[in-house]
């Protein structure tokens, strides 16, 4: 799976947000929440248990 185009687009948006002094479309909170869900999914799969968020 090639994630490079999506990564590049997100980086362009982030740089534009900095240059335009505005909040990026994907916020730090969005990123934190995504990582939290992904980490819970990893632990759930590894330990075969439900992870409540």
PDB file of N, CA and C in Angstrom:
ATOM      1  N   UNK A   1       0.839  -1.174   0.000  1.00  0.00           N
ATOM      2  CA  UNK A   1       0.000   0.000   0.000  1.00  0.00           C
ATOM      3  C   UNK A   1       0.891   1.247   0.000  1.00  0.00           C
ATOM      4  N   UNK A   2       0.618   2.159  -0.880  1.00  0.00           N
ATOM      5  CA  UNK A   2       1.436   3.359  -1.029  1.00  0.00           C
ATOM      6  C   UNK A   2       0.752   4.550  -0.348  1.00  0.00           C
ATOM      7  N   UNK A   3       1.295   4.933   0.795  1.00  0.00           N
ATOM      8  CA  UNK A   3       0.729   6.050   1.551  1.00  0.00           C
ATOM      9  C   UNK A   3       1.408   7.378   1.235  1.00  0.00           C
ATOM     10  N   UNK A   4       2.424   7.345   0.387  1.00  0.00           N
ATOM     11  CA  UNK A   4       3.209   8.546   0.109  1.00  0.00           C
ATOM     12  C   UNK A   4       2.366   9.716  -0.401  1.00  0.00           C
ATOM     13  N   UNK A   5       1.446   9.528  -1.364  1.00  0.00           N
ATOM     14  CA  UNK A   5       0.646  10.674  -1.820  1.00  0.00           C
ATOM     15  C   UNK A   5      -0.200  11.296  -0.700  1.00  0.00           C
ATOM     16  N   UNK A   6      -0.780  10.463   0.157  1.00  0.00           N
ATOM     17  CA  UNK A   6      -1.588  10.991   1.264  1.00  0.00           C
ATOM     18  C   UNK A   6      -0.712  11.746   2.255  1.00  0.00           C
ATOM     19  N   UNK A   7       0.462  11.194   2.556  1.00  0.00           N
ATOM     20  CA  UNK A   7       1.387  11.851   3.471  1.00  0.00           C
ATOM     21  C   UNK A   7       1.829  13.197   2.913  1.00  0.00           C
ATOM     22  N   UNK A   8       2.174  13.213   1.636  1.00  0.00           N
ATOM     23  CA  UNK A   8       2.610  14.464   1.003  1.00  0.00           C
ATOM     24  C   UNK A   8       1.493  15.504   1.025  1.00  0.00           C
ATOM     25  N   UNK A   9       0.268  15.090   0.751  1.00  0.00           N
ATOM     26  CA  UNK A   9      -0.865  16.026   0.768  1.00  0.00           C
ATOM     27  C   UNK A   9      -1.081  16.584   2.172  1.00  0.00           C
ATOM     28  N   UNK A  10      -0.961  15.721   3.176  1.00  0.00           N
ATOM     29  CA  UNK A  10      -1.148  16.188   4.554  1.00  0.00           C
ATOM     30  C   UNK A  10      -0.042  17.154   4.950  1.00  0.00           C
ATOM     31  N   UNK A  11       1.174  16.893   4.520  1.00  0.00           N
ATOM     32  CA  UNK A  11       2.282  17.796   4.837  1.00  0.00           C
ATOM     33  C   UNK A  11       2.110  19.146   4.138  1.00  0.00           C
ATOM     34  N   UNK A  12       1.640  19.121   2.884  1.00  0.00           N
ATOM     35  CA  UNK A  12       1.380  20.385   2.168  1.00  0.00           C
ATOM     36  C   UNK A  12       0.312  21.193   2.901  1.00  0.00           C
ATOM     37  N   UNK A  13      -0.741  20.527   3.340  1.00  0.00           N
ATOM     38  CA  UNK A  13      -1.807  21.202   4.081  1.00  0.00           C
ATOM     39  C   UNK A  13      -1.278  21.771   5.385  1.00  0.00           C
ATOM     40  N   UNK A  14      -0.442  21.016   6.084  1.00  0.00           N
ATOM     41  CA  UNK A  14       0.126  21.476   7.352  1.00  0.00           C
ATOM     42  C   UNK A  14       0.989  22.721   7.137  1.00  0.00           C
ATOM     43  N   UNK A  15       1.830  22.691   6.115  1.00  0.00           N
ATOM     44  CA  UNK A  15       2.684  23.843   5.808  1.00  0.00           C
ATOM     45  C   UNK A  15       1.837  25.051   5.407  1.00  0.00           C
ATOM     46  N   UNK A  16       0.790  24.825   4.633  1.00  0.00           N
ATOM     47  CA  UNK A  16      -0.117  25.917   4.253  1.00  0.00           C
ATOM     48  C   UNK A  16      -0.770  26.524   5.489  1.00  0.00           C
ATOM     49  N   UNK A  17      -1.179  25.680   6.416  1.00  0.00           N
ATOM     50  CA  UNK A  17      -1.812  26.178   7.644  1.00  0.00           C
ATOM     51  C   UNK A  17      -0.841  27.053   8.434  1.00  0.00           C
ATOM     52  N   UNK A  18       0.414  26.627   8.512  1.00  0.00           N
ATOM     53  CA  UNK A  18       1.418  27.439   9.213  1.00  0.00           C
ATOM     54  C   UNK A  18       1.586  28.780   8.503  1.00  0.00           C
ATOM     55  N   UNK A  19       1.753  28.744   7.190  1.00  0.00           N
ATOM     56  CA  UNK A  19       1.958  29.973   6.422  1.00  0.00           C
ATOM     57  C   UNK A  19       0.764  30.910   6.504  1.00  0.00           C
ATOM     58  N   UNK A  20      -0.437  30.333   6.587  1.00  0.00           N
ATOM     59  CA  UNK A  20      -1.665  31.139   6.637  1.00  0.00           C
ATOM     60  C   UNK A  20      -2.128  31.431   8.070  1.00  0.00           C
ATOM     61  N   UNK A  21      -1.324  30.962   9.047  1.00  0.00           N
ATOM     62  CA  UNK A  21      -1.629  31.180  10.472  1.00  0.00           C
ATOM     63  C   UNK A  21      -3.040  30.711  10.829  1.00  0.00           C
ATOM     64  N   UNK A  22      -3.342  29.476  10.454  1.00  0.00           N
ATOM     65  CA  UNK A  22      -4.654  28.896  10.751  1.00  0.00           C
ATOM     66  C   UNK A  22      -4.466  27.462  11.242  1.00  0.00           C
ATOM     67  N   UNK A  23      -5.527  26.927  11.821  1.00  0.00           N
ATOM     68  CA  UNK A  23      -5.526  25.538  12.277  1.00  0.00           C
ATOM     69  C   UNK A  23      -5.519  24.622  11.049  1.00  0.00           C
ATOM     70  N   UNK A  24      -4.695  23.578  11.050  1.00  0.00           N
ATOM     71  CA  UNK A  24      -4.726  22.641   9.920  1.00  0.00           C
ATOM     72  C   UNK A  24      -6.037  21.849   9.902  1.00  0.00           C
ATOM     73  N   UNK A  25      -6.383  21.308   8.751  1.00  0.00           N
ATOM     74  CA  UNK A  25      -7.603  20.514   8.628  1.00  0.00           C
ATOM     75  C   UNK A  25      -7.563  19.344   9.608  1.00  0.00           C
ATOM     76  N   UNK A  26      -6.434  18.641   9.671  1.00  0.00           N
ATOM     77  CA  UNK A  26      -6.249  17.564  10.636  1.00  0.00           C
ATOM     78  C   UNK A  26      -5.496  18.158  11.824  1.00  0.00           C
ATOM     79  N   UNK A  27      -6.187  18.245  12.951  1.00  0.00           N
ATOM     80  CA  UNK A  27      -5.611  18.891  14.125  1.00  0.00           C
ATOM     81  C   UNK A  27      -4.738  17.935  14.926  1.00  0.00           C
ATOM     82  N   UNK A  28      -4.016  18.481  15.878  1.00  0.00           N
ATOM     83  CA  UNK A  28      -3.213  17.655  16.777  1.00  0.00           C
ATOM     84  C   UNK A  28      -4.118  16.700  17.555  1.00  0.00           C
ATOM     85  N   UNK A  29      -5.297  17.163  17.941  1.00  0.00           N
ATOM     86  CA  UNK A  29      -6.253  16.310  18.657  1.00  0.00           C
ATOM     87  C   UNK A  29      -6.695  15.148  17.764  1.00  0.00           C
ATOM     88  N   UNK A  30      -6.976  15.421  16.494  1.00  0.00           N
ATOM     89  CA  UNK A  30      -7.351  14.350  15.562  1.00  0.00           C
ATOM     90  C   UNK A  30      -6.253  13.289  15.495  1.00  0.00           C
ATOM     91  N   UNK A  31      -5.024  13.748  15.389  1.00  0.00           N
ATOM     92  CA  UNK A  31      -3.894  12.827  15.296  1.00  0.00           C
ATOM     93  C   UNK A  31      -3.743  12.025  16.569  1.00  0.00           C
ATOM     94  N   UNK A  32      -3.843  12.691  17.717  1.00  0.00           N
ATOM     95  CA  UNK A  32      -3.746  11.999  19.007  1.00  0.00           C
ATOM     96  C   UNK A  32      -4.841  10.944  19.136  1.00  0.00           C
ATOM     97  N   UNK A  33      -6.074  11.297  18.780  1.00  0.00           N
ATOM     98  CA  UNK A  33      -7.193  10.357  18.866  1.00  0.00           C
ATOM     99  C   UNK A  33      -6.989   9.160  17.946  1.00  0.00           C
ATOM    100  N   UNK A  34      -6.469   9.398  16.758  1.00  0.00           N
ATOM    101  CA  UNK A  34      -6.205   8.308  15.810  1.00  0.00           C
ATOM    102  C   UNK A  34      -5.156   7.360  16.361  1.00  0.00           C
ATOM    103  N   UNK A  35      -4.093   7.899  16.907  1.00  0.00           N
ATOM    104  CA  UNK A  35      -3.036   7.065  17.484  1.00  0.00           C
ATOM    105  C   UNK A  35      -3.579   6.256  18.656  1.00  0.00           C
ATOM    106  N   UNK A  36      -4.427   6.861  19.462  1.00  0.00           N
ATOM    107  CA  UNK A  36      -5.038   6.163  20.596  1.00  0.00           C
ATOM    108  C   UNK A  36      -5.855   4.952  20.118  1.00  0.00           C
ATOM    109  N   UNK A  37      -6.657   5.139  19.078  1.00  0.00           N
ATOM    110  CA  UNK A  37      -7.467   4.046  18.534  1.00  0.00           C
ATOM    111  C   UNK A  37      -6.578   2.961  17.937  1.00  0.00           C
ATOM    112  N   UNK A  38      -5.560   3.358  17.174  1.00  0.00           N
ATOM    113  CA  UNK A  38      -4.661   2.377  16.566  1.00  0.00           C
ATOM    114  C   UNK A  38      -3.906   1.577  17.625  1.00  0.00           C
ATOM    115  N   UNK A  39      -3.469   2.235  18.671  1.00  0.00           N
ATOM    116  CA  UNK A  39      -2.763   1.540  19.743  1.00  0.00           C
ATOM    117  C   UNK A  39      -3.701   0.569  20.460  1.00  0.00           C
ATOM    118  N   UNK A  40      -4.941   0.970  20.692  1.00  0.00           N
ATOM    119  CA  UNK A  40      -5.921   0.076  21.313  1.00  0.00           C
ATOM    120  C   UNK A  40      -6.184  -1.136  20.428  1.00  0.00           C
ATOM    121  N   UNK A  41      -6.279  -0.919  19.121  1.00  0.00           N
ATOM    122  CA  UNK A  41      -6.492  -2.037  18.195  1.00  0.00           C
ATOM    123  C   UNK A  41      -5.311  -2.993  18.218  1.00  0.00           C
ATOM    124  N   UNK A  42      -4.103  -2.462  18.270  1.00  0.00           N
ATOM    125  CA  UNK A  42      -2.910  -3.308  18.327  1.00  0.00           C
ATOM    126  C   UNK A  42      -2.900  -4.148  19.597  1.00  0.00           C
ATOM    127  N   UNK A  43      -3.159  -3.520  20.736  1.00  0.00           N
ATOM    128  CA  UNK A  43      -3.177  -4.240  22.009  1.00  0.00           C
ATOM    129  C   UNK A  43      -4.294  -5.281  22.018  1.00  0.00           C
ATOM    130  N   UNK A  44      -5.458  -4.907  21.502  1.00  0.00           N
ATOM    131  CA  UNK A  44      -6.587  -5.831  21.441  1.00  0.00           C
ATOM    132  C   UNK A  44      -6.237  -7.072  20.630  1.00  0.00           C
ATOM    133  N   UNK A  45      -5.626  -6.880  19.488  1.00  0.00           N
ATOM    134  CA  UNK A  45      -5.253  -8.012  18.632  1.00  0.00           C
ATOM    135  C   UNK A  45      -4.167  -8.860  19.298  1.00  0.00           C
ATOM    136  N   UNK A  46      -3.233  -8.210  19.932  1.00  0.00           N
ATOM    137  CA  UNK A  46      -2.123  -8.915  20.573  1.00  0.00           C
ATOM    138  C   UNK A  46      -2.603  -9.746  21.772  1.00  0.00           C
ATOM    139  N   UNK A  47      -3.517  -9.180  22.568  1.00  0.00           N
ATOM    140  CA  UNK A  47      -3.938  -9.845  23.815  1.00  0.00           C
ATOM    141  C   UNK A  47      -5.297 -10.526  23.693  1.00  0.00           C
ATOM    142  N   UNK A  48      -5.897 -10.423  22.505  1.00  0.00           N
ATOM    143  CA  UNK A  48      -7.222 -11.034  22.275  1.00  0.00           C
ATOM    144  C   UNK A  48      -8.233 -10.572  23.334  1.00  0.00           C
ATOM    145  N   UNK A  49      -8.307  -9.283  23.519  1.00  0.00           N
ATOM    146  CA  UNK A  49      -9.231  -8.732  24.496  1.00  0.00           C
ATOM    147  C   UNK A  49      -9.807  -7.410  23.993  1.00  0.00           C
ATOM    148  N   UNK A  50     -10.934  -7.038  24.574  1.00  0.00           N
ATOM    149  CA  UNK A  50     -11.578  -5.775  24.221  1.00  0.00           C
ATOM    150  C   UNK A  50     -10.872  -4.655  24.967  1.00  0.00           C
ATOM    151  N   UNK A  51     -10.604  -3.581  24.277  1.00  0.00           N
ATOM    152  CA  UNK A  51      -9.997  -2.391  24.879  1.00  0.00           C
ATOM    153  C   UNK A  51     -11.063  -1.285  24.838  1.00  0.00           C
ATOM    154  N   UNK A  52     -11.471  -0.820  25.991  1.00  0.00           N
ATOM    155  CA  UNK A  52     -12.453   0.258  26.059  1.00  0.00           C
ATOM    156  C   UNK A  52     -11.745   1.601  26.021  1.00  0.00           C
ATOM    157  N   UNK A  53     -12.240   2.472  25.185  1.00  0.00           N
ATOM    158  CA  UNK A  53     -11.655   3.815  25.082  1.00  0.00           C
ATOM    159  C   UNK A  53     -12.545   4.832  25.753  1.00  0.00           C
TER     160      UNK A  53
END
